[in-house]
C-alpha cells in the first residue's frame, strides 16, 4: 500500500499561499511519514481545495470558508488513515 498523497490547491490571486503552506505544515507535522506527499498547487478564481488521494475533503466555497487545523486533520485521517488516532483533536470532535 502506498502512503496517501494530499494536494492543496490555493488561489494565487487571493494570496493564499501562506495559508496553504501552513496547513501543509500542520498535516506533515501531525502525520509525518504516514503521508506520501503534500503538494501545493497554485490556482486562480478564489479556489482553495484539499484532496486526499484524489478525493475532495475540503472545498472553501462548498464548506463555507477555510478549515481549522483540527478539522482538516480529522478529514484527512477519516479519508486516508482511518486507524490513526489524533489524541486531543479527536476528543474535541465528540
PDB file of N, CA and C in Angstrom:
ATOM      1  N   UNK A   1       0.844  -1.184   0.000  1.00  0.00           N
ATOM      2  CA  UNK A   1       0.000   0.000   0.000  1.00  0.00           C
ATOM      3  C   UNK A   1       0.890   1.249   0.000  1.00  0.00           C
ATOM      4  N   UNK A   2       0.571   2.189  -0.853  1.00  0.00           N
ATOM      5  CA  UNK A   2       1.347   3.423  -0.903  1.00  0.00           C
ATOM      6  C   UNK A   2       0.775   4.438   0.088  1.00  0.00           C
ATOM      7  N   UNK A   3       1.637   5.301   0.554  1.00  0.00           N
ATOM      8  CA  UNK A   3       1.219   6.339   1.503  1.00  0.00           C
ATOM      9  C   UNK A   3       0.344   7.365   0.783  1.00  0.00           C
ATOM     10  N   UNK A   4      -0.637   7.930   1.481  1.00  0.00           N
ATOM     11  CA  UNK A   4      -1.561   8.891   0.876  1.00  0.00           C
ATOM     12  C   UNK A   4      -0.878  10.168   0.394  1.00  0.00           C
ATOM     13  N   UNK A   5      -1.456  10.739  -0.641  1.00  0.00           N
ATOM     14  CA  UNK A   5      -0.965  11.985  -1.222  1.00  0.00           C
ATOM     15  C   UNK A   5      -2.039  13.054  -1.041  1.00  0.00           C
ATOM     16  N   UNK A   6      -1.668  14.156  -0.432  1.00  0.00           N
ATOM     17  CA  UNK A   6      -2.576  15.275  -0.197  1.00  0.00           C
ATOM     18  C   UNK A   6      -2.202  16.404  -1.160  1.00  0.00           C
ATOM     19  N   UNK A   7      -3.204  17.007  -1.785  1.00  0.00           N
ATOM     20  CA  UNK A   7      -2.981  18.163  -2.655  1.00  0.00           C
ATOM     21  C   UNK A   7      -3.818  19.321  -2.147  1.00  0.00           C
ATOM     22  N   UNK A   8      -3.168  20.450  -1.923  1.00  0.00           N
ATOM     23  CA  UNK A   8      -3.857  21.672  -1.525  1.00  0.00           C
ATOM     24  C   UNK A   8      -3.737  22.645  -2.691  1.00  0.00           C
ATOM     25  N   UNK A   9      -4.879  22.956  -3.307  1.00  0.00           N
ATOM     26  CA  UNK A   9      -4.919  23.905  -4.413  1.00  0.00           C
ATOM     27  C   UNK A   9      -5.398  25.241  -3.857  1.00  0.00           C
ATOM     28  N   UNK A  10      -4.615  26.280  -4.087  1.00  0.00           N
ATOM     29  CA  UNK A  10      -4.886  27.587  -3.483  1.00  0.00           C
ATOM     30  C   UNK A  10      -4.880  28.674  -4.554  1.00  0.00           C
ATOM     31  N   UNK A  11      -5.573  29.769  -4.291  1.00  0.00           N
ATOM     32  CA  UNK A  11      -5.673  30.883  -5.233  1.00  0.00           C
ATOM     33  C   UNK A  11      -4.467  31.813  -5.087  1.00  0.00           C
ATOM     34  N   UNK A  12      -3.738  31.972  -6.188  1.00  0.00           N
ATOM     35  CA  UNK A  12      -2.597  32.895  -6.173  1.00  0.00           C
ATOM     36  C   UNK A  12      -3.066  34.343  -6.213  1.00  0.00           C
ATOM     37  N   UNK A  13      -4.211  34.605  -6.850  1.00  0.00           N
ATOM     38  CA  UNK A  13      -4.745  35.965  -6.921  1.00  0.00           C
ATOM     39  C   UNK A  13      -5.160  36.471  -5.540  1.00  0.00           C
ATOM     40  N   UNK A  14      -5.565  35.537  -4.675  1.00  0.00           N
ATOM     41  CA  UNK A  14      -6.025  35.888  -3.317  1.00  0.00           C
ATOM     42  C   UNK A  14      -4.889  35.857  -2.300  1.00  0.00           C
ATOM     43  N   UNK A  15      -3.688  35.490  -2.754  1.00  0.00           N
ATOM     44  CA  UNK A  15      -2.514  35.409  -1.875  1.00  0.00           C
ATOM     45  C   UNK A  15      -2.694  34.400  -0.743  1.00  0.00           C
ATOM     46  N   UNK A  16      -3.204  33.219  -1.075  1.00  0.00           N
ATOM     47  CA  UNK A  16      -3.454  32.193  -0.063  1.00  0.00           C
ATOM     48  C   UNK A  16      -2.321  31.181   0.054  1.00  0.00           C
ATOM     49  N   UNK A  17      -1.159  31.471  -0.512  1.00  0.00           N
ATOM     50  CA  UNK A  17      -0.015  30.571  -0.388  1.00  0.00           C
ATOM     51  C   UNK A  17       0.368  30.359   1.067  1.00  0.00           C
ATOM     52  N   UNK A  18       0.420  31.408   1.844  1.00  0.00           N
ATOM     53  CA  UNK A  18       0.819  31.269   3.246  1.00  0.00           C
ATOM     54  C   UNK A  18      -0.155  30.363   4.003  1.00  0.00           C
ATOM     55  N   UNK A  19      -1.445  30.542   3.780  1.00  0.00           N
ATOM     56  CA  UNK A  19      -2.456  29.697   4.429  1.00  0.00           C
ATOM     57  C   UNK A  19      -2.287  28.242   3.991  1.00  0.00           C
ATOM     58  N   UNK A  20      -2.085  28.021   2.698  1.00  0.00           N
ATOM     59  CA  UNK A  20      -1.919  26.666   2.177  1.00  0.00           C
ATOM     60  C   UNK A  20      -0.663  26.009   2.738  1.00  0.00           C
ATOM     61  N   UNK A  21       0.418  26.759   2.809  1.00  0.00           N
ATOM     62  CA  UNK A  21       1.668  26.183   3.315  1.00  0.00           C
ATOM     63  C   UNK A  21       1.580  25.908   4.810  1.00  0.00           C
ATOM     64  N   UNK A  22       0.857  26.745   5.544  1.00  0.00           N
ATOM     65  CA  UNK A  22       0.655  26.488   6.974  1.00  0.00           C
ATOM     66  C   UNK A  22      -0.138  25.198   7.171  1.00  0.00           C
ATOM     67  N   UNK A  23      -1.192  25.013   6.380  1.00  0.00           N
ATOM     68  CA  UNK A  23      -1.993  23.792   6.506  1.00  0.00           C
ATOM     69  C   UNK A  23      -1.183  22.561   6.101  1.00  0.00           C
ATOM     70  N   UNK A  24      -0.356  22.697   5.073  1.00  0.00           N
ATOM     71  CA  UNK A  24       0.521  21.598   4.677  1.00  0.00           C
ATOM     72  C   UNK A  24       1.480  21.253   5.813  1.00  0.00           C
ATOM     73  N   UNK A  25       2.031  22.273   6.437  1.00  0.00           N
ATOM     74  CA  UNK A  25       2.942  22.065   7.563  1.00  0.00           C
ATOM     75  C   UNK A  25       2.243  21.359   8.719  1.00  0.00           C
ATOM     76  N   UNK A  26       1.017  21.755   9.019  1.00  0.00           N
ATOM     77  CA  UNK A  26       0.245  21.104  10.085  1.00  0.00           C
ATOM     78  C   UNK A  26       0.049  19.618   9.784  1.00  0.00           C
ATOM     79  N   UNK A  27      -0.298  19.311   8.541  1.00  0.00           N
ATOM     80  CA  UNK A  27      -0.514  17.907   8.166  1.00  0.00           C
ATOM     81  C   UNK A  27       0.779  17.110   8.255  1.00  0.00           C
ATOM     82  N   UNK A  28       1.867  17.670   7.750  1.00  0.00           N
ATOM     83  CA  UNK A  28       3.146  16.966   7.805  1.00  0.00           C
ATOM     84  C   UNK A  28       3.642  16.801   9.232  1.00  0.00           C
ATOM     85  N   UNK A  29       3.417  17.793  10.055  1.00  0.00           N
ATOM     86  CA  UNK A  29       3.833  17.705  11.452  1.00  0.00           C
ATOM     87  C   UNK A  29       3.038  16.632  12.196  1.00  0.00           C
ATOM     88  N   UNK A  30       1.767  16.512  11.875  1.00  0.00           N
ATOM     89  CA  UNK A  30       0.916  15.537  12.558  1.00  0.00           C
ATOM     90  C   UNK A  30       1.122  14.119  12.041  1.00  0.00           C
ATOM     91  N   UNK A  31       1.048  13.942  10.725  1.00  0.00           N
ATOM     92  CA  UNK A  31       1.061  12.596  10.152  1.00  0.00           C
ATOM     93  C   UNK A  31       2.441  12.113   9.738  1.00  0.00           C
ATOM     94  N   UNK A  32       3.383  13.028   9.582  1.00  0.00           N
ATOM     95  CA  UNK A  32       4.766  12.666   9.272  1.00  0.00           C
ATOM     96  C   UNK A  32       4.902  11.733   8.084  1.00  0.00           C
ATOM     97  N   UNK A  33       5.671  10.674   8.265  1.00  0.00           N
ATOM     98  CA  UNK A  33       5.985   9.744   7.186  1.00  0.00           C
ATOM     99  C   UNK A  33       4.802   8.875   6.780  1.00  0.00           C
ATOM    100  N   UNK A  34       3.685   8.956   7.498  1.00  0.00           N
ATOM    101  CA  UNK A  34       2.490   8.217   7.084  1.00  0.00           C
ATOM    102  C   UNK A  34       1.843   8.835   5.848  1.00  0.00           C
ATOM    103  N   UNK A  35       2.241  10.068   5.526  1.00  0.00           N
ATOM    104  CA  UNK A  35       1.811  10.698   4.278  1.00  0.00           C
ATOM    105  C   UNK A  35       2.904  10.526   3.247  1.00  0.00           C
ATOM    106  N   UNK A  36       2.509  10.237   2.022  1.00  0.00           N
ATOM    107  CA  UNK A  36       3.485  10.099   0.947  1.00  0.00           C
ATOM    108  C   UNK A  36       3.971  11.440   0.445  1.00  0.00           C
ATOM    109  N   UNK A  37       3.052  12.427   0.418  1.00  0.00           N
ATOM    110  CA  UNK A  37       3.398  13.762  -0.050  1.00  0.00           C
ATOM    111  C   UNK A  37       2.266  14.721   0.273  1.00  0.00           C
ATOM    112  N   UNK A  38       2.640  15.978   0.427  1.00  0.00           N
ATOM    113  CA  UNK A  38       1.676  17.069   0.485  1.00  0.00           C
ATOM    114  C   UNK A  38       2.125  18.063  -0.572  1.00  0.00           C
ATOM    115  N   UNK A  39       1.276  18.271  -1.553  1.00  0.00           N
ATOM    116  CA  UNK A  39       1.603  19.116  -2.692  1.00  0.00           C
ATOM    117  C   UNK A  39       0.797  20.393  -2.653  1.00  0.00           C
ATOM    118  N   UNK A  40       1.462  21.512  -2.881  1.00  0.00           N
ATOM    119  CA  UNK A  40       0.784  22.798  -3.028  1.00  0.00           C
ATOM    120  C   UNK A  40       0.645  23.083  -4.512  1.00  0.00           C
ATOM    121  N   UNK A  41      -0.587  23.348  -4.945  1.00  0.00           N
ATOM    122  CA  UNK A  41      -0.858  23.554  -6.361  1.00  0.00           C
ATOM    123  C   UNK A  41      -1.498  24.927  -6.555  1.00  0.00           C
ATOM    124  N   UNK A  42      -0.830  25.837  -7.264  1.00  0.00           N
ATOM    125  CA  UNK A  42      -1.403  27.157  -7.482  1.00  0.00           C
ATOM    126  C   UNK A  42      -2.601  27.106  -8.419  1.00  0.00           C
ATOM    127  N   UNK A  43      -3.567  27.973  -8.117  1.00  0.00           N
ATOM    128  CA  UNK A  43      -4.760  28.099  -8.949  1.00  0.00           C
ATOM    129  C   UNK A  43      -5.219  29.544  -8.931  1.00  0.00           C
ATOM    130  N   UNK A  44      -6.393  29.797  -9.487  1.00  0.00           N
ATOM    131  CA  UNK A  44      -6.958  31.142  -9.530  1.00  0.00           C
ATOM    132  C   UNK A  44      -8.459  31.064  -9.277  1.00  0.00           C
ATOM    133  N   UNK A  45      -9.081  32.238  -9.191  1.00  0.00           N
ATOM    134  CA  UNK A  45     -10.530  32.295  -9.084  1.00  0.00           C
ATOM    135  C   UNK A  45     -11.092  32.004  -7.709  1.00  0.00           C
ATOM    136  N   UNK A  46     -10.301  32.224  -6.665  1.00  0.00           N
ATOM    137  CA  UNK A  46     -10.789  32.012  -5.313  1.00  0.00           C
ATOM    138  C   UNK A  46     -10.796  30.567  -4.860  1.00  0.00           C
ATOM    139  N   UNK A  47     -10.043  29.723  -5.547  1.00  0.00           N
ATOM    140  CA  UNK A  47     -10.030  28.301  -5.212  1.00  0.00           C
ATOM    141  C   UNK A  47      -9.210  28.024  -3.955  1.00  0.00           C
ATOM    142  N   UNK A  48      -9.743  27.175  -3.115  1.00  0.00           N
ATOM    143  CA  UNK A  48      -8.986  26.603  -2.009  1.00  0.00           C
ATOM    144  C   UNK A  48      -9.619  25.250  -1.726  1.00  0.00           C
ATOM    145  N   UNK A  49      -8.973  24.206  -2.234  1.00  0.00           N
ATOM    146  CA  UNK A  49      -9.487  22.854  -2.060  1.00  0.00           C
ATOM    147  C   UNK A  49      -8.379  21.942  -1.564  1.00  0.00           C
ATOM    148  N   UNK A  50      -8.792  20.920  -0.832  1.00  0.00           N
ATOM    149  CA  UNK A  50      -7.860  19.911  -0.338  1.00  0.00           C
ATOM    150  C   UNK A  50      -8.373  18.559  -0.808  1.00  0.00           C
ATOM    151  N   UNK A  51      -7.505  17.822  -1.493  1.00  0.00           N
ATOM    152  CA  UNK A  51      -7.827  16.490  -1.972  1.00  0.00           C
ATOM    153  C   UNK A  51      -6.890  15.492  -1.306  1.00  0.00           C
ATOM    154  N   UNK A  52      -7.428  14.341  -0.979  1.00  0.00           N
ATOM    155  CA  UNK A  52      -6.646  13.247  -0.409  1.00  0.00           C
ATOM    156  C   UNK A  52      -6.783  12.055  -1.345  1.00  0.00           C
ATOM    157  N   UNK A  53      -5.697  11.687  -1.988  1.00  0.00           N
ATOM    158  CA  UNK A  53      -5.702  10.611  -2.979  1.00  0.00           C
ATOM    159  C   UNK A  53      -6.808  10.795  -4.009  1.00  0.00           C
ATOM    160  N   UNK A  54      -6.999  12.024  -4.457  1.00  0.00           N
ATOM    161  CA  UNK A  54      -7.968  12.314  -5.493  1.00  0.00           C
ATOM    162  C   UNK A  54      -9.394  12.525  -5.017  1.00  0.00           C
ATOM    163  N   UNK A  55      -9.631  12.371  -3.721  1.00  0.00           N
ATOM    164  CA  UNK A  55     -10.965  12.581  -3.159  1.00  0.00           C
ATOM    165  C   UNK A  55     -11.021  13.943  -2.492  1.00  0.00           C
ATOM    166  N   UNK A  56     -11.978  14.749  -2.844  1.00  0.00           N
ATOM    167  CA  UNK A  56     -12.127  16.085  -2.270  1.00  0.00           C
ATOM    168  C   UNK A  56     -12.554  15.965  -0.802  1.00  0.00           C
ATOM    169  N   UNK A  57     -11.738  16.557   0.091  1.00  0.00           N
ATOM    170  CA  UNK A  57     -12.106  16.526   1.510  1.00  0.00           C
ATOM    171  C   UNK A  57     -12.419  17.909   2.062  1.00  0.00           C
ATOM    172  N   UNK A  58     -12.058  18.949   1.313  1.00  0.00           N
ATOM    173  CA  UNK A  58     -12.432  20.313   1.715  1.00  0.00           C
ATOM    174  C   UNK A  58     -12.491  21.193   0.482  1.00  0.00           C
ATOM    175  N   UNK A  59     -13.547  21.994   0.396  1.00  0.00           N
ATOM    176  CA  UNK A  59     -13.664  22.992  -0.657  1.00  0.00           C
ATOM    177  C   UNK A  59     -14.194  24.273  -0.034  1.00  0.00           C
ATOM    178  N   UNK A  60     -13.411  25.329  -0.126  1.00  0.00           N
ATOM    179  CA  UNK A  60     -13.753  26.587   0.539  1.00  0.00           C
ATOM    180  C   UNK A  60     -15.159  27.056   0.218  1.00  0.00           C
ATOM    181  N   UNK A  61     -15.530  27.039  -1.036  1.00  0.00           N
ATOM    182  CA  UNK A  61     -16.851  27.545  -1.426  1.00  0.00           C
ATOM    183  C   UNK A  61     -17.973  26.650  -0.914  1.00  0.00           C
ATOM    184  N   UNK A  62     -17.821  25.353  -1.006  1.00  0.00           N
ATOM    185  CA  UNK A  62     -18.867  24.415  -0.570  1.00  0.00           C
ATOM    186  C   UNK A  62     -18.935  24.278   0.945  1.00  0.00           C
ATOM    187  N   UNK A  63     -17.774  24.354   1.605  1.00  0.00           N
ATOM    188  CA  UNK A  63     -17.724  24.130   3.057  1.00  0.00           C
ATOM    189  C   UNK A  63     -17.792  25.419   3.865  1.00  0.00           C
ATOM    190  N   UNK A  64     -17.934  26.550   3.199  1.00  0.00           N
ATOM    191  CA  UNK A  64     -18.139  27.807   3.912  1.00  0.00           C
ATOM    192  C   UNK A  64     -16.900  28.419   4.522  1.00  0.00           C
ATOM    193  N   UNK A  65     -15.806  28.438   3.793  1.00  0.00           N
ATOM    194  CA  UNK A  65     -14.593  29.088   4.296  1.00  0.00           C
ATOM    195  C   UNK A  65     -13.434  28.112   4.375  1.00  0.00           C
ATOM    196  N   UNK A  66     -12.542  28.413   5.287  1.00  0.00           N
ATOM    197  CA  UNK A  66     -11.334  27.614   5.440  1.00  0.00           C
ATOM    198  C   UNK A  66     -11.471  26.700   6.654  1.00  0.00           C
ATOM    199  N   UNK A  67     -10.857  25.518   6.582  1.00  0.00           N
ATOM    200  CA  UNK A  67     -10.909  24.629   7.743  1.00  0.00           C
ATOM    201  C   UNK A  67      -9.933  25.097   8.818  1.00  0.00           C
ATOM    202  N   UNK A  68     -10.255  24.802  10.079  1.00  0.00           N
ATOM    203  CA  UNK A  68      -9.218  24.976  11.086  1.00  0.00           C
ATOM    204  C   UNK A  68      -8.347  23.725  11.033  1.00  0.00           C
ATOM    205  N   UNK A  69      -7.203  23.776  11.646  1.00  0.00           N
ATOM    206  CA  UNK A  69      -6.235  22.684  11.534  1.00  0.00           C
ATOM    207  C   UNK A  69      -6.811  21.370  12.050  1.00  0.00           C
ATOM    208  N   UNK A  70      -7.517  21.393  13.170  1.00  0.00           N
ATOM    209  CA  UNK A  70      -8.061  20.154  13.744  1.00  0.00           C
ATOM    210  C   UNK A  70      -9.077  19.512  12.808  1.00  0.00           C
ATOM    211  N   UNK A  71      -9.944  20.311  12.209  1.00  0.00           N
ATOM    212  CA  UNK A  71     -10.945  19.764  11.281  1.00  0.00           C
ATOM    213  C   UNK A  71     -10.283  19.174  10.052  1.00  0.00           C
ATOM    214  N   UNK A  72      -9.287  19.857   9.516  1.00  0.00           N
ATOM    215  CA  UNK A  72      -8.589  19.342   8.349  1.00  0.00           C
ATOM    216  C   UNK A  72      -7.895  18.018   8.675  1.00  0.00           C
ATOM    217  N   UNK A  73      -7.259  17.935   9.812  1.00  0.00           N
ATOM    218  CA  UNK A  73      -6.605  16.694  10.225  1.00  0.00           C
ATOM    219  C   UNK A  73      -7.608  15.558  10.369  1.00  0.00           C
ATOM    220  N   UNK A  74      -8.774  15.846  10.961  1.00  0.00           N
ATOM    221  CA  UNK A  74      -9.811  14.815  11.092  1.00  0.00           C
ATOM    222  C   UNK A  74     -10.258  14.318   9.714  1.00  0.00           C
ATOM    223  N   UNK A  75     -10.454  15.253   8.790  1.00  0.00           N
ATOM    224  CA  UNK A  75     -10.916  14.855   7.453  1.00  0.00           C
ATOM    225  C   UNK A  75      -9.860  14.054   6.702  1.00  0.00           C
ATOM    226  N   UNK A  76      -8.596  14.444   6.834  1.00  0.00           N
ATOM    227  CA  UNK A  76      -7.520  13.665   6.210  1.00  0.00           C
ATOM    228  C   UNK A  76      -7.476  12.280   6.825  1.00  0.00           C
ATOM    229  N   UNK A  77      -7.501  12.219   8.130  1.00  0.00           N
ATOM    230  CA  UNK A  77      -7.469  10.924   8.813  1.00  0.00           C
ATOM    231  C   UNK A  77      -8.636  10.054   8.372  1.00  0.00           C
ATOM    232  N   UNK A  78      -9.850  10.609   8.392  1.00  0.00           N
ATOM    233  CA  UNK A  78     -11.033   9.830   8.022  1.00  0.00           C
ATOM    234  C   UNK A  78     -10.960   9.320   6.584  1.00  0.00           C
ATOM    235  N   UNK A  79     -10.386  10.128   5.685  1.00  0.00           N
ATOM    236  CA  UNK A  79     -10.332   9.758   4.272  1.00  0.00           C
ATOM    237  C   UNK A  79      -9.249   8.731   3.952  1.00  0.00           C
ATOM    238  N   UNK A  80      -8.076   8.855   4.561  1.00  0.00           N
ATOM    239  CA  UNK A  80      -6.953   8.024   4.102  1.00  0.00           C
ATOM    240  C   UNK A  80      -6.182   7.284   5.193  1.00  0.00           C
ATOM    241  N   UNK A  81      -6.392   7.648   6.452  1.00  0.00           N
ATOM    242  CA  UNK A  81      -5.681   6.984   7.554  1.00  0.00           C
ATOM    243  C   UNK A  81      -6.653   6.698   8.704  1.00  0.00           C
ATOM    244  N   UNK A  82      -7.708   5.911   8.464  1.00  0.00           N
ATOM    245  CA  UNK A  82      -8.785   5.762   9.446  1.00  0.00           C
ATOM    246  C   UNK A  82      -8.363   5.171  10.792  1.00  0.00           C
ATOM    247  N   UNK A  83      -7.262   4.465  10.846  1.00  0.00           N
ATOM    248  CA  UNK A  83      -6.814   3.877  12.114  1.00  0.00           C
ATOM    249  C   UNK A  83      -5.924   4.809  12.921  1.00  0.00           C
ATOM    250  N   UNK A  84      -5.648   5.987  12.393  1.00  0.00           N
ATOM    251  CA  UNK A  84      -4.753   6.947  13.028  1.00  0.00           C
ATOM    252  C   UNK A  84      -5.486   7.667  14.156  1.00  0.00           C
ATOM    253  N   UNK A  85      -4.916   7.696  15.358  1.00  0.00           N
ATOM    254  CA  UNK A  85      -5.508   8.417  16.494  1.00  0.00           C
ATOM    255  C   UNK A  85      -4.966   9.842  16.530  1.00  0.00           C
ATOM    256  N   UNK A  86      -5.880  10.802  16.672  1.00  0.00           N
ATOM    257  CA  UNK A  86      -5.473  12.208  16.710  1.00  0.00           C
ATOM    258  C   UNK A  86      -5.402  12.759  18.135  1.00  0.00           C
ATOM    259  N   UNK A  87      -5.580  11.931  19.117  1.00  0.00           N
ATOM    260  CA  UNK A  87      -5.456  12.382  20.504  1.00  0.00           C
ATOM    261  C   UNK A  87      -6.494  13.426  20.867  1.00  0.00           C
ATOM    262  N   UNK A  88      -6.053  14.557  21.391  1.00  0.00           N
ATOM    263  CA  UNK A  88      -6.976  15.594  21.871  1.00  0.00           C
ATOM    264  C   UNK A  88      -7.875  16.152  20.773  1.00  0.00           C
ATOM    265  N   UNK A  89      -7.433  16.126  19.519  1.00  0.00           N
ATOM    266  CA  UNK A  89      -8.264  16.616  18.419  1.00  0.00           C
ATOM    267  C   UNK A  89      -9.485  15.713  18.211  1.00  0.00           C
ATOM    268  N   UNK A  90      -9.344  14.424  18.500  1.00  0.00           N
ATOM    269  CA  UNK A  90     -10.496  13.515  18.431  1.00  0.00           C
ATOM    270  C   UNK A  90     -11.501  13.840  19.535  1.00  0.00           C
ATOM    271  N   UNK A  91     -11.013  14.139  20.703  1.00  0.00           N
ATOM    272  CA  UNK A  91     -11.904  14.451  21.831  1.00  0.00           C
ATOM    273  C   UNK A  91     -12.699  15.717  21.582  1.00  0.00           C
ATOM    274  N   UNK A  92     -12.105  16.701  20.904  1.00  0.00           N
ATOM    275  CA  UNK A  92     -12.801  17.960  20.621  1.00  0.00           C
ATOM    276  C   UNK A  92     -13.966  17.751  19.673  1.00  0.00           C
ATOM    277  N   UNK A  93     -13.901  16.727  18.844  1.00  0.00           N
ATOM    278  CA  UNK A  93     -14.953  16.467  17.864  1.00  0.00           C
ATOM    279  C   UNK A  93     -16.151  15.747  18.483  1.00  0.00           C
ATOM    280  N   UNK A  94     -15.965  15.135  19.644  1.00  0.00           N
ATOM    281  CA  UNK A  94     -17.053  14.371  20.269  1.00  0.00           C
ATOM    282  C   UNK A  94     -18.125  15.251  20.844  1.00  0.00           C
TER     283      UNK A  94
END
